[in-house]
PDB file of N, CA and C in Angstrom:
ATOM      1  N   MET A   1     -27.973  -0.033   1.064  1.00  0.00           N
ATOM      2  CA  MET A   1     -26.750   0.389   0.244  1.00  0.00           C
ATOM      3  C   MET A   1     -26.260  -0.244   2.026  1.00  0.00           C
ATOM      4  N   ALA A   2     -25.028  -0.961   1.440  1.00  0.00           N
ATOM      5  CA  ALA A   2     -24.612  -1.183   2.750  1.00  0.00           C
ATOM      6  C   ALA A   2     -23.919   0.055   3.301  1.00  0.00           C
ATOM      7  N   ASN A   3     -23.425   0.087   4.864  1.00  0.00           N
ATOM      8  CA  ASN A   3     -22.707   0.825   5.932  1.00  0.00           C
ATOM      9  C   ASN A   3     -20.879  -0.160   4.745  1.00  0.00           C
ATOM     10  N   TRP A   4     -20.087   0.776   4.952  1.00  0.00           N
ATOM     11  CA  TRP A   4     -18.774   0.548   4.294  1.00  0.00           C
ATOM     12  C   TRP A   4     -18.107   0.119   5.753  1.00  0.00           C
ATOM     13  N   CYS A   5     -16.840  -0.782   6.096  1.00  0.00           N
ATOM     14  CA  CYS A   5     -16.040  -0.799   6.701  1.00  0.00           C
ATOM     15  C   CYS A   5     -14.836  -0.391   6.102  1.00  0.00           C
ATOM     16  N   TYR A   6     -13.354  -0.112   6.337  1.00  0.00           N
ATOM     17  CA  TYR A   6     -12.591   0.379   6.228  1.00  0.00           C
ATOM     18  C   TYR A   6     -11.613  -0.750   7.361  1.00  0.00           C
ATOM     19  N   ASN A   7     -10.792  -1.421   5.800  1.00  0.00           N
ATOM     20  CA  ASN A   7      -9.967  -2.051   6.557  1.00  0.00           C
ATOM     21  C   ASN A   7      -8.622  -1.749   6.874  1.00  0.00           C
ATOM     22  N   PHE A   8      -7.462  -1.935   7.332  1.00  0.00           N
ATOM     23  CA  PHE A   8      -6.220  -1.260   7.104  1.00  0.00           C
ATOM     24  C   PHE A   8      -5.506  -2.591   7.755  1.00  0.00           C
ATOM     25  N   VAL A   9      -4.309  -2.920   6.531  1.00  0.00           N
ATOM     26  CA  VAL A   9      -3.902  -4.084   7.410  1.00  0.00           C
ATOM     27  C   VAL A   9      -2.454  -4.372   6.808  1.00  0.00           C
ATOM     28  N   THR A  10      -1.458  -4.815   8.010  1.00  0.00           N
ATOM     29  CA  THR A  10      -0.215  -4.919   7.934  1.00  0.00           C
ATOM     30  C   THR A  10      -0.158  -6.332   8.217  1.00  0.00           C
ATOM     31  N   CYS A  11       1.101  -7.113   7.185  1.00  0.00           N
ATOM     32  CA  CYS A  11       0.714  -8.665   6.672  1.00  0.00           C
ATOM     33  C   CYS A  11       2.629  -8.593   6.410  1.00  0.00           C
ATOM     34  N   THR A  12       3.075 -10.068   7.488  1.00  0.00           N
ATOM     35  CA  THR A  12       4.348  -9.724   7.956  1.00  0.00           C
ATOM     36  C   THR A  12       5.005 -11.351   7.047  1.00  0.00           C
ATOM     37  N   GLY A  13       6.006 -11.482   6.504  1.00  0.00           N
ATOM     38  CA  GLY A  13       6.243 -12.554   6.506  1.00  0.00           C
ATOM     39  C   GLY A  13       7.928 -12.759   5.755  1.00  0.00           C
ATOM     40  N   SER A  14       7.534 -13.710   5.197  1.00  0.00           N
ATOM     41  CA  SER A  14       9.177 -13.630   4.219  1.00  0.00           C
ATOM     42  C   SER A  14       9.069 -13.057   2.719  1.00  0.00           C
ATOM     43  N   ALA A  15      10.143 -12.219   2.513  1.00  0.00           N
ATOM     44  CA  ALA A  15      10.543 -11.298   1.225  1.00  0.00           C
ATOM     45  C   ALA A  15       9.679 -12.869  -0.520  1.00  0.00           C
ATOM     46  N   ASP A  16       9.848 -13.112  -0.214  1.00  0.00           N
ATOM     47  CA  ASP A  16       9.244 -13.685  -0.847  1.00  0.00           C
ATOM     48  C   ASP A  16       7.761 -14.242  -0.971  1.00  0.00           C
ATOM     49  N   ASP A  17       7.195 -14.746   0.004  1.00  0.00           N
ATOM     50  CA  ASP A  17       5.799 -14.738   0.282  1.00  0.00           C
ATOM     51  C   ASP A  17       4.840 -13.847   0.827  1.00  0.00           C
ATOM     52  N   ILE A  18       5.850 -12.277   0.616  1.00  0.00           N
ATOM     53  CA  ILE A  18       5.684 -10.805   1.047  1.00  0.00           C
ATOM     54  C   ILE A  18       5.208 -10.979  -0.485  1.00  0.00           C
ATOM     55  N   ALA A  19       6.250 -11.006  -1.594  1.00  0.00           N
ATOM     56  CA  ALA A  19       5.970 -10.416  -2.776  1.00  0.00           C
ATOM     57  C   ALA A  19       5.087 -11.174  -3.555  1.00  0.00           C
ATOM     58  N   LYS A  20       4.496 -12.748  -3.611  1.00  0.00           N
ATOM     59  CA  LYS A  20       3.253 -13.313  -3.874  1.00  0.00           C
ATOM     60  C   LYS A  20       1.956 -12.546  -3.570  1.00  0.00           C
ATOM     61  N   LEU A  21       2.109 -12.510  -2.374  1.00  0.00           N
ATOM     62  CA  LEU A  21       0.710 -11.343  -1.554  1.00  0.00           C
ATOM     63  C   LEU A  21       0.849 -10.448  -2.148  1.00  0.00           C
ATOM     64  N   ARG A  22       1.778  -9.708  -2.785  1.00  0.00           N
ATOM     65  CA  ARG A  22       1.833  -8.227  -3.191  1.00  0.00           C
ATOM     66  C   ARG A  22       1.035  -8.729  -4.807  1.00  0.00           C
ATOM     67  N   GLN A  23       1.410  -9.804  -5.512  1.00  0.00           N
ATOM     68  CA  GLN A  23       0.884  -9.718  -6.900  1.00  0.00           C
ATOM     69  C   GLN A  23      -0.637 -10.578  -6.907  1.00  0.00           C
ATOM     70  N   THR A  24      -1.182 -11.118  -5.828  1.00  0.00           N
ATOM     71  CA  THR A  24      -2.124 -11.375  -5.594  1.00  0.00           C
ATOM     72  C   THR A  24      -3.115 -10.061  -5.161  1.00  0.00           C
ATOM     73  N   LEU A  25      -2.825  -9.818  -4.695  1.00  0.00           N
ATOM     74  CA  LEU A  25      -3.250  -8.374  -4.323  1.00  0.00           C
ATOM     75  C   LEU A  25      -3.481  -7.167  -5.591  1.00  0.00           C
ATOM     76  N   LEU A  26      -2.812  -7.036  -6.580  1.00  0.00           N
ATOM     77  CA  LEU A  26      -2.656  -6.610  -7.948  1.00  0.00           C
ATOM     78  C   LEU A  26      -3.585  -6.740  -8.708  1.00  0.00           C
ATOM     79  N   GLU A  27      -3.527  -8.510  -8.612  1.00  0.00           N
ATOM     80  CA  GLU A  27      -4.280  -9.307  -9.820  1.00  0.00           C
ATOM     81  C   GLU A  27      -5.430  -8.676  -9.358  1.00  0.00           C
ATOM     82  N   GLY A  28      -5.745  -8.809  -7.655  1.00  0.00           N
ATOM     83  CA  GLY A  28      -7.078  -8.084  -7.142  1.00  0.00           C
ATOM     84  C   GLY A  28      -7.758  -7.159  -7.313  1.00  0.00           C
ATOM     85  N   ILE A  29      -6.624  -6.031  -7.818  1.00  0.00           N
ATOM     86  CA  ILE A  29      -6.993  -4.835  -8.150  1.00  0.00           C
ATOM     87  C   ILE A  29      -7.574  -4.441  -9.595  1.00  0.00           C
ATOM     88  N   ASP A  30      -6.596  -5.407 -10.268  1.00  0.00           N
ATOM     89  CA  ASP A  30      -6.625  -5.248 -11.870  1.00  0.00           C
ATOM     90  C   ASP A  30      -7.881  -5.589 -12.127  1.00  0.00           C
ATOM     91  N   TYR A  31      -8.437  -6.932 -11.304  1.00  0.00           N
ATOM     92  CA  TYR A  31     -10.065  -7.405 -11.309  1.00  0.00           C
ATOM     93  C   TYR A  31     -10.599  -6.705 -11.565  1.00  0.00           C
ATOM     94  N   GLN A  32     -10.567  -5.729 -10.108  1.00  0.00           N
ATOM     95  CA  GLN A  32     -11.541  -4.968  -9.480  1.00  0.00           C
ATOM     96  C   GLN A  32     -11.819  -4.009 -10.783  1.00  0.00           C
ATOM     97  N   ARG A  33     -10.706  -2.995 -11.353  1.00  0.00           N
ATOM     98  CA  ARG A  33     -11.191  -2.813 -12.470  1.00  0.00           C
ATOM     99  C   ARG A  33     -11.469  -3.012 -13.921  1.00  0.00           C
ATOM    100  N   THR A  34     -11.231  -4.243 -14.181  1.00  0.00           N
ATOM    101  CA  THR A  34     -11.297  -4.853 -15.425  1.00  0.00           C
ATOM    102  C   THR A  34     -13.072  -4.985 -15.295  1.00  0.00           C
ATOM    103  N   HIS A  35     -13.909  -5.700 -13.760  1.00  0.00           N
ATOM    104  CA  HIS A  35     -15.278  -6.588 -13.847  1.00  0.00           C
ATOM    105  C   HIS A  35     -15.995  -5.515 -13.176  1.00  0.00           C
ATOM    106  N   LYS A  36     -15.040  -4.047 -12.411  1.00  0.00           N
ATOM    107  CA  LYS A  36     -16.352  -3.250 -11.671  1.00  0.00           C
ATOM    108  C   LYS A  36     -16.778  -4.081 -10.569  1.00  0.00           C
ATOM    109  N   GLU A  37     -16.244  -5.128 -10.086  1.00  0.00           N
ATOM    110  CA  GLU A  37     -17.106  -5.633  -8.633  1.00  0.00           C
ATOM    111  C   GLU A  37     -15.950  -6.039  -7.758  1.00  0.00           C
ATOM    112  N   ALA A  38     -16.071  -6.817  -6.180  1.00  0.00           N
ATOM    113  CA  ALA A  38     -15.397  -6.948  -5.833  1.00  0.00           C
ATOM    114  C   ALA A  38     -14.584  -8.034  -6.133  1.00  0.00           C
ATOM    115  N   THR A  39     -13.460  -8.921  -5.500  1.00  0.00           N
ATOM    116  CA  THR A  39     -12.637  -9.637  -6.056  1.00  0.00           C
ATOM    117  C   THR A  39     -12.348 -10.653  -4.304  1.00  0.00           C
ATOM    118  N   ALA A  40     -12.481 -12.001  -4.978  1.00  0.00           N
ATOM    119  CA  ALA A  40     -12.173 -13.325  -3.757  1.00  0.00           C
ATOM    120  C   ALA A  40     -10.559 -12.557  -3.052  1.00  0.00           C
ATOM    121  N   LEU A  41      -9.972 -12.767  -3.923  1.00  0.00           N
ATOM    122  CA  LEU A  41      -8.515 -13.153  -3.581  1.00  0.00           C
ATOM    123  C   LEU A  41      -8.029 -14.438  -3.460  1.00  0.00           C
ATOM    124  N   SER A  42      -8.655 -15.491  -2.553  1.00  0.00           N
ATOM    125  CA  SER A  42      -8.109 -16.691  -3.104  1.00  0.00           C
ATOM    126  C   SER A  42      -9.538 -17.744  -2.992  1.00  0.00           C
ATOM    127  N   VAL A  43      -9.076 -19.483  -3.885  1.00  0.00           N
ATOM    128  CA  VAL A  43     -10.556 -19.914  -4.338  1.00  0.00           C
ATOM    129  C   VAL A  43     -10.959 -20.515  -3.065  1.00  0.00           C
ATOM    130  N   GLU A  44     -10.575 -20.169  -1.715  1.00  0.00           N
ATOM    131  CA  GLU A  44     -11.698 -20.681  -0.440  1.00  0.00           C
ATOM    132  C   GLU A  44     -12.581 -19.508  -0.254  1.00  0.00           C
ATOM    133  N   ILE A  45     -12.466 -18.701  -0.875  1.00  0.00           N
ATOM    134  CA  ILE A  45     -13.040 -17.134  -0.597  1.00  0.00           C
ATOM    135  C   ILE A  45     -14.261 -16.928  -1.497  1.00  0.00           C
ATOM    136  N   GLN A  46     -15.754 -17.512  -1.686  1.00  0.00           N
ATOM    137  CA  GLN A  46     -16.596 -17.335  -2.624  1.00  0.00           C
ATOM    138  C   GLN A  46     -17.619 -15.681  -2.416  1.00  0.00           C
ATOM    139  N   ASP A  47     -17.408 -15.005  -2.111  1.00  0.00           N
ATOM    140  CA  ASP A  47     -18.382 -14.304  -1.598  1.00  0.00           C
ATOM    141  C   ASP A  47     -17.564 -12.556  -2.129  1.00  0.00           C
ATOM    142  N   GLY A  48     -16.261 -12.878  -2.422  1.00  0.00           N
ATOM    143  CA  GLY A  48     -16.003 -11.955  -3.160  1.00  0.00           C
ATOM    144  C   GLY A  48     -16.146 -10.154  -2.026  1.00  0.00           C
ATOM    145  N   TYR A  49     -15.351 -10.978  -0.824  1.00  0.00           N
ATOM    146  CA  TYR A  49     -15.589  -9.598  -0.301  1.00  0.00           C
ATOM    147  C   TYR A  49     -13.967  -8.804   0.197  1.00  0.00           C
ATOM    148  N   PHE A  50     -13.652  -8.425  -0.965  1.00  0.00           N
ATOM    149  CA  PHE A  50     -12.336  -6.824  -0.875  1.00  0.00           C
ATOM    150  C   PHE A  50     -12.940  -5.972  -1.844  1.00  0.00           C
ATOM    151  N   PHE A  51     -13.402  -4.991  -1.365  1.00  0.00           N
ATOM    152  CA  PHE A  51     -14.023  -3.889  -2.065  1.00  0.00           C
ATOM    153  C   PHE A  51     -12.441  -2.782  -1.754  1.00  0.00           C
ATOM    154  N   ASP A  52     -12.056  -2.270  -3.291  1.00  0.00           N
ATOM    155  CA  ASP A  52     -11.100  -0.888  -3.354  1.00  0.00           C
ATOM    156  C   ASP A  52      -9.855  -1.000  -2.758  1.00  0.00           C
ATOM    157  N   ILE A  53      -9.109  -2.107  -3.460  1.00  0.00           N
ATOM    158  CA  ILE A  53      -7.945  -2.517  -2.572  1.00  0.00           C
ATOM    159  C   ILE A  53      -7.160  -1.509  -2.583  1.00  0.00           C
ATOM    160  N   GLU A  54      -6.503  -1.060  -1.985  1.00  0.00           N
ATOM    161  CA  GLU A  54      -5.138  -0.140  -2.284  1.00  0.00           C
ATOM    162  C   GLU A  54      -4.068  -0.348  -1.636  1.00  0.00           C
ATOM    163  N   LEU A  55      -3.075  -0.613  -1.990  1.00  0.00           N
ATOM    164  CA  LEU A  55      -1.358  -1.433  -1.859  1.00  0.00           C
ATOM    165  C   LEU A  55      -0.807   0.214  -1.123  1.00  0.00           C
ATOM    166  N   ARG A  56      -0.048   0.329   0.082  1.00  0.00           N
ATOM    167  CA  ARG A  56       0.698   0.990   0.300  1.00  0.00           C
ATOM    168  C   ARG A  56       2.143   1.093   0.604  1.00  0.00           C
ATOM    169  N   ASP A  57       2.884   2.184   0.631  1.00  0.00           N
ATOM    170  CA  ASP A  57       4.835   2.017   0.910  1.00  0.00           C
ATOM    171  C   ASP A  57       5.037   1.349   1.965  1.00  0.00           C
ATOM    172  N   SER A  58       5.418   0.904   1.751  1.00  0.00           N
ATOM    173  CA  SER A  58       6.064  -0.196   3.019  1.00  0.00           C
ATOM    174  C   SER A  58       8.096  -0.301   2.372  1.00  0.00           C
ATOM    175  N   ASP A  59       8.767   0.268   3.199  1.00  0.00           N
ATOM    176  CA  ASP A  59       9.516  -0.018   3.222  1.00  0.00           C
ATOM    177  C   ASP A  59      10.608  -1.452   3.294  1.00  0.00           C
ATOM    178  N   GLN A  60       9.875  -1.946   4.032  1.00  0.00           N
ATOM    179  CA  GLN A  60      10.525  -3.392   4.594  1.00  0.00           C
ATOM    180  C   GLN A  60      10.040  -4.490   3.359  1.00  0.00           C
ATOM    181  N   PRO A  61      11.167  -5.242   2.959  1.00  0.00           N
ATOM    182  CA  PRO A  61      10.423  -6.269   2.006  1.00  0.00           C
ATOM    183  C   PRO A  61       9.664  -7.420   2.626  1.00  0.00           C
ATOM    184  N   THR A  62      10.028  -7.539   3.888  1.00  0.00           N
ATOM    185  CA  THR A  62       9.055  -8.225   5.303  1.00  0.00           C
ATOM    186  C   THR A  62       7.518  -8.411   4.930  1.00  0.00           C
ATOM    187  N   GLN A  63       7.101  -7.150   5.012  1.00  0.00           N
ATOM    188  CA  GLN A  63       6.194  -6.287   5.187  1.00  0.00           C
ATOM    189  C   GLN A  63       5.644  -5.862   3.986  1.00  0.00           C
ATOM    190  N   LEU A  64       3.780  -5.788   4.506  1.00  0.00           N
ATOM    191  CA  LEU A  64       3.024  -5.217   3.166  1.00  0.00           C
ATOM    192  C   LEU A  64       1.663  -4.581   3.850  1.00  0.00           C
ATOM    193  N   VAL A  65       1.617  -3.530   3.239  1.00  0.00           N
ATOM    194  CA  VAL A  65       0.554  -2.633   3.710  1.00  0.00           C
ATOM    195  C   VAL A  65      -0.524  -2.631   3.173  1.00  0.00           C
ATOM    196  N   PHE A  66      -1.836  -2.760   2.872  1.00  0.00           N
ATOM    197  CA  PHE A  66      -2.695  -2.230   1.982  1.00  0.00           C
ATOM    198  C   PHE A  66      -4.228  -2.084   3.193  1.00  0.00           C
ATOM    199  N   VAL A  67      -5.136  -1.302   2.845  1.00  0.00           N
ATOM    200  CA  VAL A  67      -6.219  -0.996   2.770  1.00  0.00           C
ATOM    201  C   VAL A  67      -6.937  -1.693   1.945  1.00  0.00           C
ATOM    202  N   TYR A  68      -8.321  -2.402   2.083  1.00  0.00           N
ATOM    203  CA  TYR A  68      -9.838  -2.530   1.742  1.00  0.00           C
ATOM    204  C   TYR A  68     -10.998  -2.119   2.155  1.00  0.00           C
ATOM    205  N   GLU A  69     -12.256  -2.295   1.638  1.00  0.00           N
ATOM    206  CA  GLU A  69     -13.256  -1.869   2.532  1.00  0.00           C
ATOM    207  C   GLU A  69     -14.169  -3.476   1.988  1.00  0.00           C
ATOM    208  N   THR A  70     -14.911  -3.697   3.571  1.00  0.00           N
ATOM    209  CA  THR A  70     -15.966  -4.637   2.935  1.00  0.00           C
ATOM    210  C   THR A  70     -17.501  -4.349   3.090  1.00  0.00           C
ATOM    211  N   LYS A  71     -18.204  -4.858   3.824  1.00  0.00           N
ATOM    212  CA  LYS A  71     -19.773  -4.109   3.781  1.00  0.00           C
ATOM    213  C   LYS A  71     -19.868  -4.484   4.832  1.00  0.00           C
ATOM    214  N   TRP A  72     -20.507  -3.857   5.775  1.00  0.00           N
ATOM    215  CA  TRP A  72     -21.060  -3.971   7.365  1.00  0.00           C
ATOM    216  C   TRP A  72     -19.903  -4.167   8.456  1.00  0.00           C
ATOM    217  N   ALA A  73     -18.660  -5.398   8.469  1.00  0.00           N
ATOM    218  CA  ALA A  73     -17.836  -5.293   9.043  1.00  0.00           C
ATOM    219  C   ALA A  73     -16.412  -6.357   8.324  1.00  0.00           C
ATOM    220  N   PRO A  74     -15.515  -5.745   9.386  1.00  0.00           N
ATOM    221  CA  PRO A  74     -14.433  -6.754   8.762  1.00  0.00           C
ATOM    222  C   PRO A  74     -14.699  -8.419   8.014  1.00  0.00           C
ATOM    223  N   ASN A  75     -13.729  -8.536   7.188  1.00  0.00           N
ATOM    224  CA  ASN A  75     -14.264  -9.844   6.828  1.00  0.00           C
ATOM    225  C   ASN A  75     -13.095 -10.803   7.465  1.00  0.00           C
ATOM    226  N   LEU A  76     -12.730 -11.229   8.528  1.00  0.00           N
ATOM    227  CA  LEU A  76     -11.952 -11.214   9.244  1.00  0.00           C
ATOM    228  C   LEU A  76     -11.469 -13.258   8.785  1.00  0.00           C
ATOM    229  N   LEU A  77     -12.373 -13.857   8.590  1.00  0.00           N
ATOM    230  CA  LEU A  77     -12.130 -15.242   8.203  1.00  0.00           C
ATOM    231  C   LEU A  77     -11.404 -15.529   6.950  1.00  0.00           C
ATOM    232  N   ASP A  78     -12.183 -14.467   6.507  1.00  0.00           N
ATOM    233  CA  ASP A  78     -11.699 -14.775   4.607  1.00  0.00           C
ATOM    234  C   ASP A  78     -10.424 -13.993   4.494  1.00  0.00           C
ATOM    235  N   LEU A  79     -10.118 -12.818   5.547  1.00  0.00           N
ATOM    236  CA  LEU A  79      -8.243 -12.185   5.507  1.00  0.00           C
ATOM    237  C   LEU A  79      -7.265 -13.519   6.212  1.00  0.00           C
ATOM    238  N   ALA A  80      -8.026 -14.369   6.716  1.00  0.00           N
ATOM    239  CA  ALA A  80      -7.257 -15.485   7.688  1.00  0.00           C
ATOM    240  C   ALA A  80      -6.843 -16.483   6.343  1.00  0.00           C
ATOM    241  N   GLU A  81      -7.889 -16.713   5.611  1.00  0.00           N
ATOM    242  CA  GLU A  81      -8.178 -17.405   4.482  1.00  0.00           C
ATOM    243  C   GLU A  81      -6.475 -17.408   2.988  1.00  0.00           C
ATOM    244  N   VAL A  82      -7.018 -15.881   3.427  1.00  0.00           N
ATOM    245  CA  VAL A  82      -5.615 -15.230   1.856  1.00  0.00           C
ATOM    246  C   VAL A  82      -4.427 -15.310   3.168  1.00  0.00           C
ATOM    247  N   CYS A  83      -3.981 -14.979   4.159  1.00  0.00           N
ATOM    248  CA  CYS A  83      -3.163 -15.139   4.999  1.00  0.00           C
ATOM    249  C   CYS A  83      -2.303 -16.530   4.691  1.00  0.00           C
ATOM    250  N   LYS A  84      -3.296 -17.276   5.670  1.00  0.00           N
ATOM    251  CA  LYS A  84      -2.766 -19.116   5.219  1.00  0.00           C
ATOM    252  C   LYS A  84      -2.527 -19.103   3.925  1.00  0.00           C
ATOM    253  N   ALA A  85      -3.047 -18.887   2.720  1.00  0.00           N
ATOM    254  CA  ALA A  85      -2.203 -19.221   1.852  1.00  0.00           C
ATOM    255  C   ALA A  85      -1.315 -18.731   1.039  1.00  0.00           C
ATOM    256  N   HIS A  86      -0.702 -17.831   1.763  1.00  0.00           N
ATOM    257  CA  HIS A  86       0.192 -16.956   0.952  1.00  0.00           C
ATOM    258  C   HIS A  86       1.256 -17.004   2.153  1.00  0.00           C
ATOM    259  N   ASN A  87       1.425 -17.742   3.321  1.00  0.00           N
ATOM    260  CA  ASN A  87       2.264 -18.208   4.286  1.00  0.00           C
ATOM    261  C   ASN A  87       2.821 -16.802   5.417  1.00  0.00           C
ATOM    262  N   VAL A  88       2.087 -15.758   5.180  1.00  0.00           N
ATOM    263  CA  VAL A  88       2.211 -14.622   6.280  1.00  0.00           C
ATOM    264  C   VAL A  88       1.144 -14.474   7.239  1.00  0.00           C
ATOM    265  N   SER A  89       1.665 -13.332   8.214  1.00  0.00           N
ATOM    266  CA  SER A  89       0.880 -13.553   9.438  1.00  0.00           C
ATOM    267  C   SER A  89       0.271 -11.854   9.315  1.00  0.00           C
TER     268      SER A  89
END
């Protein structure tokens, strides 16, 4: 059994880009509920390394906060791919 790493992420970008990222995360959450497995969030990511994604409330339309778990260590390269694909920081 893996040791789990809890990841807390704050992304910033235009309101439109944040909305697109939010939609991707919601689709990932739906995928996890349906398939009972991690989701990749991006076609460039093949190992499905985003577990138990949760969106957090933010009062700013240009900011999105979410948390998720990974096995053993943060998946910074995969997270960077997701951010790059959605044009957010």
